[in-house]
Protein backbone atom coordinates (compact mmCIF):
# COMPACT_ATOMS: atom_id res chain seq x y z
CA MET A 1 -59.72 85.51 123.66
CA GLY A 2 -59.16 83.60 120.33
CA LYS A 3 -60.04 80.24 119.47
CA PRO A 4 -57.80 77.72 121.12
CA ALA A 5 -54.99 76.49 119.21
CA LYS A 6 -54.21 72.49 118.89
CA HIS A 7 -50.69 71.98 119.41
CA SER A 8 -49.95 75.37 119.17
CA LYS A 9 -47.14 76.49 120.43
CA LYS A 10 -44.52 78.59 118.52
CA LYS A 11 -43.73 77.76 114.99
CA LYS A 12 -40.63 75.72 114.72
CA PRO A 13 -37.66 76.52 112.26
CA PHE A 14 -38.05 74.76 108.88
CA THR A 15 -35.13 73.74 106.57
CA SER A 16 -35.66 74.26 102.79
CA LEU A 17 -34.74 71.78 100.23
CA LEU A 18 -32.09 74.29 98.84
CA GLN A 19 -30.61 74.79 102.37
CA ASN A 20 -30.44 71.21 103.12
CA PRO A 21 -28.82 69.19 100.25
CA VAL A 22 -28.77 66.08 102.43
CA SER A 23 -32.72 65.82 101.97
CA ALA A 24 -32.68 66.39 98.27
CA PRO A 25 -32.00 62.81 97.32
CA SER A 26 -34.63 61.57 99.69
CA ILE A 27 -37.27 63.64 97.76
CA VAL A 28 -35.88 62.54 94.38
CA SER A 29 -35.56 58.90 95.44
CA SER A 30 -39.10 58.50 96.86
CA SER A 31 -40.68 57.97 93.54
CA ASN A 32 -40.10 54.02 93.78
CA LEU A 33 -41.20 53.71 97.35
CA SER A 34 -44.50 52.30 98.54
CA VAL A 35 -47.11 54.62 100.29
CA GLU A 36 -46.07 53.02 103.86
CA GLU A 37 -42.27 53.75 103.01
CA LEU A 38 -43.38 57.48 101.85
CA ILE A 39 -45.16 57.96 105.15
CA LYS A 40 -42.32 56.89 107.17
CA LYS A 41 -39.95 59.22 105.08
CA ALA A 42 -42.35 62.13 105.64
CA THR A 43 -42.55 61.44 109.26
CA GLU A 44 -38.70 61.49 109.53
CA CYS A 45 -38.75 64.85 107.79
CA GLU A 46 -41.33 65.97 110.52
CA ASN A 47 -39.26 65.00 113.22
CA ARG A 48 -36.41 67.14 111.80
CA PHE A 49 -38.87 70.03 111.43
CA GLU A 50 -38.73 69.88 107.57
CA ALA A 51 -42.30 70.49 106.97
CA MET A 52 -41.88 71.45 103.45
CA ASP A 53 -40.18 68.23 102.56
CA ALA A 54 -42.69 66.27 104.63
CA LEU A 55 -45.41 67.91 102.61
CA LYS A 56 -43.84 67.02 99.16
CA ILE A 57 -43.48 63.37 100.26
CA TYR A 58 -47.16 63.31 101.52
CA ASN A 59 -48.17 64.82 98.16
CA ARG A 60 -46.32 61.96 96.32
CA ALA A 61 -48.15 59.45 98.50
CA LEU A 62 -51.51 61.12 97.88
CA LYS A 63 -50.83 60.85 93.92
CA LYS A 64 -49.76 57.24 94.38
CA LEU A 65 -52.85 56.33 96.40
CA GLU A 66 -55.08 58.19 93.88
CA ASN A 67 -53.61 56.26 90.89
CA ASP A 68 -54.03 52.99 92.67
CA ARG A 69 -57.72 53.70 93.51
CA LYS A 70 -58.97 52.05 90.44
CA SER A 71 -57.17 48.79 90.76
CA THR A 72 -58.27 48.59 94.48
CA SER A 73 -60.50 45.67 95.08
CA GLN A 74 -64.11 45.94 97.15
CA ASP A 75 -62.39 43.85 99.77
CA ASP A 76 -59.47 46.22 100.21
CA SER A 77 -61.33 49.48 99.76
CA ARG A 78 -61.74 49.96 103.61
CA SER A 79 -57.98 49.50 104.03
CA PHE A 80 -57.28 51.73 101.28
CA ASP A 81 -59.62 54.52 102.82
CA ARG A 82 -57.66 54.27 106.07
CA MET A 83 -54.39 54.87 104.44
CA TYR A 84 -55.78 57.58 102.24
CA ALA A 85 -57.30 59.22 105.42
CA LYS A 86 -54.07 59.03 107.18
CA VAL A 87 -51.93 60.84 104.44
CA LEU A 88 -54.60 63.40 103.95
CA GLN A 89 -54.67 64.33 107.61
CA ALA A 90 -51.00 64.49 107.93
CA SER A 91 -50.45 66.60 104.88
CA ALA A 92 -53.32 68.94 106.04
CA PHE A 93 -51.51 69.45 109.37
CA ASN A 94 -48.36 70.22 107.41
CA LEU A 95 -50.18 72.63 105.37
CA LEU A 96 -51.49 74.36 108.58
CA GLU A 97 -48.01 74.78 110.08
CA LEU A 98 -46.80 76.18 106.81
CA GLY A 99 -49.47 78.85 106.89
CA ARG A 100 -51.86 77.51 104.08
CA PRO A 101 -55.13 77.05 105.81
CA GLU A 102 -57.27 77.02 102.82
CA LYS A 103 -55.73 74.12 101.14
CA ALA A 104 -55.61 72.40 104.55
CA LYS A 105 -59.33 72.86 104.85
CA GLU A 106 -59.90 71.54 101.46
CA ARG A 107 -57.98 68.31 102.57
CA LEU A 108 -59.63 67.89 105.88
CA LEU A 109 -63.19 68.32 104.11
CA LYS A 110 -62.17 65.61 101.83
CA LEU A 111 -61.22 63.48 104.60
CA LEU A 112 -64.71 63.83 106.14
CA SER A 113 -66.36 62.41 102.76
CA LEU A 114 -64.56 59.16 103.36
CA THR A 115 -67.74 57.45 105.00
CA SER A 116 -65.89 54.19 105.83
CA VAL A 117 -63.25 55.91 108.07
CA ASP A 118 -63.66 56.88 111.71
CA VAL A 119 -62.36 60.54 111.50
CA ASP A 120 -60.18 61.77 114.43
CA TYR A 121 -61.78 64.35 116.66
CA GLU A 122 -58.75 66.67 115.62
CA VAL A 123 -60.08 66.88 112.22
CA HIS A 124 -63.32 68.45 113.50
CA MET A 125 -61.54 70.77 115.91
CA TYR A 126 -59.25 72.06 113.25
CA LEU A 127 -62.16 72.63 111.03
CA GLY A 128 -64.06 74.57 113.69
CA GLN A 129 -61.20 76.95 113.81
CA LEU A 130 -60.87 77.22 109.80
CA THR A 131 -64.68 77.98 109.48
CA GLU A 132 -67.11 80.60 110.93
CA GLY A 133 -70.61 80.66 112.54
CA ILE A 134 -73.02 77.90 112.44
CA GLU A 135 -70.56 75.71 110.22
CA SER A 136 -67.83 76.23 112.82
CA LEU A 137 -70.07 75.34 115.65
CA ALA A 138 -70.95 72.23 113.85
CA HIS A 139 -67.51 70.95 113.74
CA TYR A 140 -66.84 71.63 117.33
CA ARG A 141 -69.90 69.72 118.32
CA LYS A 142 -68.92 66.91 116.13
CA GLY A 143 -65.46 66.98 117.47
CA LEU A 144 -67.06 66.90 121.08
CA GLU A 145 -69.41 63.90 119.99
CA THR A 146 -66.13 62.09 118.87
CA LEU A 147 -64.39 62.60 122.16
CA HIS A 148 -67.29 61.46 124.13
CA ASN A 149 -67.79 58.25 122.06
CA LEU A 150 -64.20 57.66 122.48
CA SER A 151 -64.13 58.35 126.27
CA THR A 152 -67.17 55.91 126.88
CA ASN A 153 -65.62 53.13 125.18
CA ASP A 154 -62.67 51.89 127.42
CA SER A 155 -61.08 49.47 124.77
CA SER A 156 -61.35 52.17 121.93
CA LEU A 157 -59.91 54.77 124.40
CA ALA A 158 -56.98 52.50 125.41
CA GLU A 159 -56.09 51.80 121.91
CA THR A 160 -56.33 55.20 120.86
CA LEU A 161 -53.98 56.44 123.76
CA THR A 162 -51.52 53.64 122.97
CA ILE A 163 -51.41 54.47 119.11
CA SER A 164 -51.34 58.20 119.16
CA GLY A 165 -49.18 58.65 122.41
CA ARG A 166 -51.92 61.06 123.72
CA THR A 167 -52.88 61.09 127.43
CA LEU A 168 -56.41 61.15 129.19
CA GLU A 169 -55.59 64.73 130.30
CA SER A 170 -54.65 65.75 126.73
CA LEU A 171 -58.00 64.51 125.68
CA GLN A 172 -59.95 66.50 128.57
CA GLN A 173 -57.91 69.52 127.56
CA ALA A 174 -59.06 69.13 123.92
CA GLU A 175 -62.73 68.92 125.09
CA SER A 176 -62.60 71.84 127.43
CA ASN A 177 -60.84 74.03 124.62
CA ALA A 178 -63.70 72.98 122.37
CA TYR A 179 -66.32 74.18 124.88
CA CYS A 180 -64.27 77.57 124.99
CA ALA A 181 -64.28 77.98 121.35
CA ILE A 182 -68.21 77.26 121.38
CA ALA A 183 -68.48 79.93 124.30
CA GLU A 184 -66.62 82.46 122.16
CA LEU A 185 -68.90 81.62 119.06
CA TYR A 186 -71.79 82.52 120.89
CA MET A 187 -70.25 85.92 122.11
CA THR A 188 -69.17 86.64 118.41
CA ASP A 189 -70.34 85.17 115.26
CA LEU A 190 -73.70 83.63 116.87
CA CYS A 191 -74.40 86.62 119.40
CA ASP A 192 -77.71 87.59 117.72
CA LEU A 193 -79.19 84.18 118.15
CA PRO A 194 -82.00 84.31 120.89
CA GLU A 195 -80.39 81.38 122.70
CA ALA A 196 -76.75 82.81 122.63
CA ARG A 197 -76.63 83.85 126.25
CA VAL A 198 -77.79 80.59 127.64
CA GLU A 199 -75.81 78.47 125.36
CA CYS A 200 -72.57 80.53 126.13
CA GLN A 201 -73.00 79.96 129.66
CA LYS A 202 -73.55 76.19 129.36
CA ALA A 203 -70.37 75.93 127.13
CA PHE A 204 -68.02 77.93 129.49
CA GLU A 205 -69.48 76.01 132.61
CA ALA A 206 -68.61 72.74 130.60
CA ALA A 207 -65.12 73.78 129.91
CA THR A 208 -64.35 74.56 133.45
CA ARG A 209 -66.18 71.31 134.58
CA THR A 210 -64.27 69.13 132.12
CA ASN A 211 -60.92 70.54 132.95
CA PRO A 212 -60.72 73.09 135.87
CA ASN A 213 -56.95 73.48 135.27
CA ASN A 214 -57.48 74.91 131.90
CA PRO A 215 -56.69 78.60 132.05
CA GLN A 216 -58.48 79.38 128.79
CA ALA A 217 -61.86 77.83 130.43
CA TRP A 218 -61.52 80.49 133.20
CA LEU A 219 -60.76 83.00 130.73
CA ALA A 220 -63.74 82.27 128.71
CA SER A 221 -66.05 82.45 131.92
CA ALA A 222 -64.39 85.88 132.81
CA ASN A 223 -64.95 87.22 129.25
CA PHE A 224 -68.88 86.16 129.81
CA PHE A 225 -69.24 87.81 132.98
CA THR A 226 -67.44 91.00 131.75
CA VAL A 227 -69.95 91.21 128.76
CA THR A 228 -72.90 90.64 131.02
CA ALA A 229 -71.59 93.22 133.45
CA ASP A 230 -71.22 91.09 136.51
CA ALA A 231 -67.81 92.46 137.74
CA GLN A 232 -67.53 90.14 140.89
CA ALA A 233 -68.09 87.00 139.03
CA ALA A 234 -65.69 88.24 136.28
CA ARG A 235 -63.07 89.28 138.86
CA GLU A 236 -63.23 85.72 140.50
CA ALA A 237 -62.97 83.94 137.19
CA VAL A 238 -59.83 86.04 136.26
CA GLN A 239 -58.17 85.31 139.56
CA ARG A 240 -59.05 81.54 139.09
CA CYS A 241 -57.23 81.84 135.66
CA LEU A 242 -54.40 83.82 137.06
CA ASP A 243 -53.99 81.23 140.10
CA LEU A 244 -53.10 78.33 137.61
CA TRP A 245 -49.86 79.93 136.40
CA TRP A 246 -49.15 83.28 138.29
CA THR A 247 -46.17 81.79 140.48
CA LYS A 248 -44.59 80.36 137.43
CA LEU A 249 -44.69 83.65 135.45
CA GLN A 250 -43.44 85.71 138.45
CA LYS A 251 -40.52 83.21 138.95
CA VAL A 252 -39.45 83.65 135.44
CA LEU A 253 -39.69 87.46 135.39
CA ASP A 254 -37.81 87.51 138.61
CA GLU A 255 -34.93 85.26 137.01
CA ASP A 256 -35.11 87.60 134.04
CA HIS A 257 -34.66 90.68 136.07
CA ARG A 258 -31.73 89.04 137.83
CA SER A 259 -30.15 88.14 134.45
CA SER A 260 -30.57 91.83 133.43
CA GLY A 261 -28.88 92.90 136.38
CA SER A 262 -25.87 90.57 135.91
CA LYS A 263 -25.80 91.96 132.27
CA THR A 264 -25.39 95.30 133.62
CA VAL A 265 -22.54 94.32 135.80
CA LEU A 266 -20.72 92.49 132.98
CA ASP A 267 -20.94 95.43 130.67
CA GLY A 268 -19.40 97.72 133.15
CA SER A 269 -16.74 95.11 133.91
CA GLN A 270 -16.06 94.63 130.01
CA GLN A 271 -15.48 98.56 129.70
CA LEU A 272 -12.87 98.30 132.46
CA GLN A 273 -11.21 95.25 131.49
CA VAL A 274 -10.91 96.12 127.58
CA THR A 275 -7.91 98.66 128.50
CA VAL A 276 -6.27 95.53 130.04
CA GLY A 277 -6.67 93.23 127.00
CA ASP A 278 -9.00 92.67 124.13
CA VAL A 279 -9.34 88.82 125.15
CA ILE A 280 -10.79 89.62 128.50
CA GLY A 281 -13.37 91.91 127.05
CA GLN A 282 -14.43 89.41 124.38
CA GLU A 283 -14.97 86.79 127.13
CA ASN A 284 -17.17 89.11 128.99
CA SER A 285 -19.19 90.17 125.81
CA ALA A 286 -19.62 86.36 125.22
CA GLN A 287 -20.85 85.98 128.85
CA THR A 288 -23.19 88.98 128.41
CA ASP A 289 -24.69 87.45 125.25
CA ALA A 290 -25.15 84.02 126.84
CA THR A 291 -26.83 85.69 129.84
CA GLU A 292 -29.19 87.63 127.56
CA GLU A 293 -30.18 84.78 125.47
CA SER A 294 -30.97 82.35 128.39
CA GLY A 295 -33.34 84.96 129.85
CA LEU A 296 -35.14 85.32 126.52
CA GLU A 297 -35.36 81.54 125.97
CA LYS A 298 -36.97 81.14 129.28
CA LEU A 299 -39.93 83.48 128.42
CA ASP A 300 -42.49 81.59 126.59
CA LEU A 301 -45.56 83.05 127.58
CA GLU A 302 -47.97 80.64 125.85
CA GLU A 303 -46.10 77.52 127.16
CA LEU A 304 -46.03 79.09 130.53
CA THR A 305 -49.75 80.27 130.93
CA GLY A 306 -51.66 77.88 128.47
CA ILE A 307 -53.17 80.96 126.79
CA PRO A 308 -51.90 82.45 123.40
CA ASN A 309 -50.80 86.00 123.59
CA SER A 310 -53.82 87.27 121.79
CA GLY A 311 -55.96 85.89 124.79
CA LEU A 312 -53.31 87.40 127.18
CA ILE A 313 -54.10 90.74 125.60
CA SER A 314 -57.89 90.12 126.06
CA LEU A 315 -57.34 89.28 129.73
CA SER A 316 -55.13 92.53 130.18
CA ARG A 317 -58.07 94.45 128.86
CA MET A 318 -60.58 92.97 131.08
CA MET A 319 -58.07 93.29 134.13
CA ILE A 320 -58.07 97.09 133.41
CA GLU A 321 -61.86 97.23 133.36
CA LEU A 322 -61.89 95.32 136.56
CA GLU A 323 -59.19 97.78 138.17
CA MET A 324 -56.87 94.65 138.74
CA TYR A 325 -53.91 96.96 137.63
CA GLU A 326 -50.89 95.71 139.48
CA GLN A 327 -51.14 92.08 138.13
CA CYS A 328 -52.34 93.64 134.78
CA SER A 329 -49.05 95.47 134.53
CA THR A 330 -46.87 92.45 135.15
CA ILE A 331 -48.64 90.47 132.34
CA LEU A 332 -48.18 93.57 129.92
CA GLU A 333 -44.49 93.73 130.91
CA ALA A 334 -44.06 90.00 130.18
CA LEU A 335 -45.83 90.45 126.90
CA LEU A 336 -43.49 93.40 125.88
CA GLU A 337 -40.59 91.37 126.80
CA GLU A 338 -41.72 88.67 124.36
CA GLU A 339 -43.18 90.71 121.63
CA GLU A 340 -41.82 94.16 121.89
CA ASP A 341 -42.81 94.95 118.33
CA ASN A 342 -46.51 93.82 118.70
CA LEU A 343 -48.45 97.05 118.20
CA GLU A 344 -51.40 95.89 120.29
């Protein structure tokens, strides 16, 4: 099933400093900028998907803040901590995106040590993913507590939604995903605890209750019922999961099949027309490439289903066990279409 991912989605392409000479002066000239200006520059890099450049600038901001700490007065310490926390969090998220989880974890834990700062719930959720067992559970529960405190304070909620650009639905999704992760913990790391079964059921029920439109919540439910050998309940949970995105998947696959059919026709046409003139053949070749590319671009299973591919593989295994063969074959076909080199 896999722990729910935050933002996730696919990795975006990053432009290195060597490949992007325009960004080099911005890094070099940043030494004389204020922390606020450095944050602005780093954000601009993030908007261009230049995570490495953004991280370098955030690191400069952190170094500047740490050098300024000694001269910070008592009255300004809270404001200083808020700025320090902001840079720590942003740089940690960049480290995660660049595939450096241990360094990201180190910065997120340092963020928790700032007692004068209200830590964002996302920090706890990420730490839940970066840790295991009881420690992971503690982070998820703290993240849920932060979300609950936020949702019960109307003024604080409104301010958070305005500043962060989040929606109420995204907060409900985050809460539901956290319950999914807790349910998974009780089926894996914490499965030997005497309360594991009861706590697991509480968690996935909370996940489906908090956001009934979250496919991962129904996947967690199906997983529990499969493990506890309740085939009928597992089948119903799987179907609830499928109902949320099946029509969209079928539509994309149908379009992809039609595109493949068009490709075959174009290939044949190209072979015939090459004898008339290379230019015509080249035009048809370009059309073929465009058709093939558009079909591939449409197939983003995680975006489409709301479930990471590892979760879809787990879902497929459950469906085989539950004898839901036809729909299972469609999911596997889609997975092969997107990740044909994946050995699983």
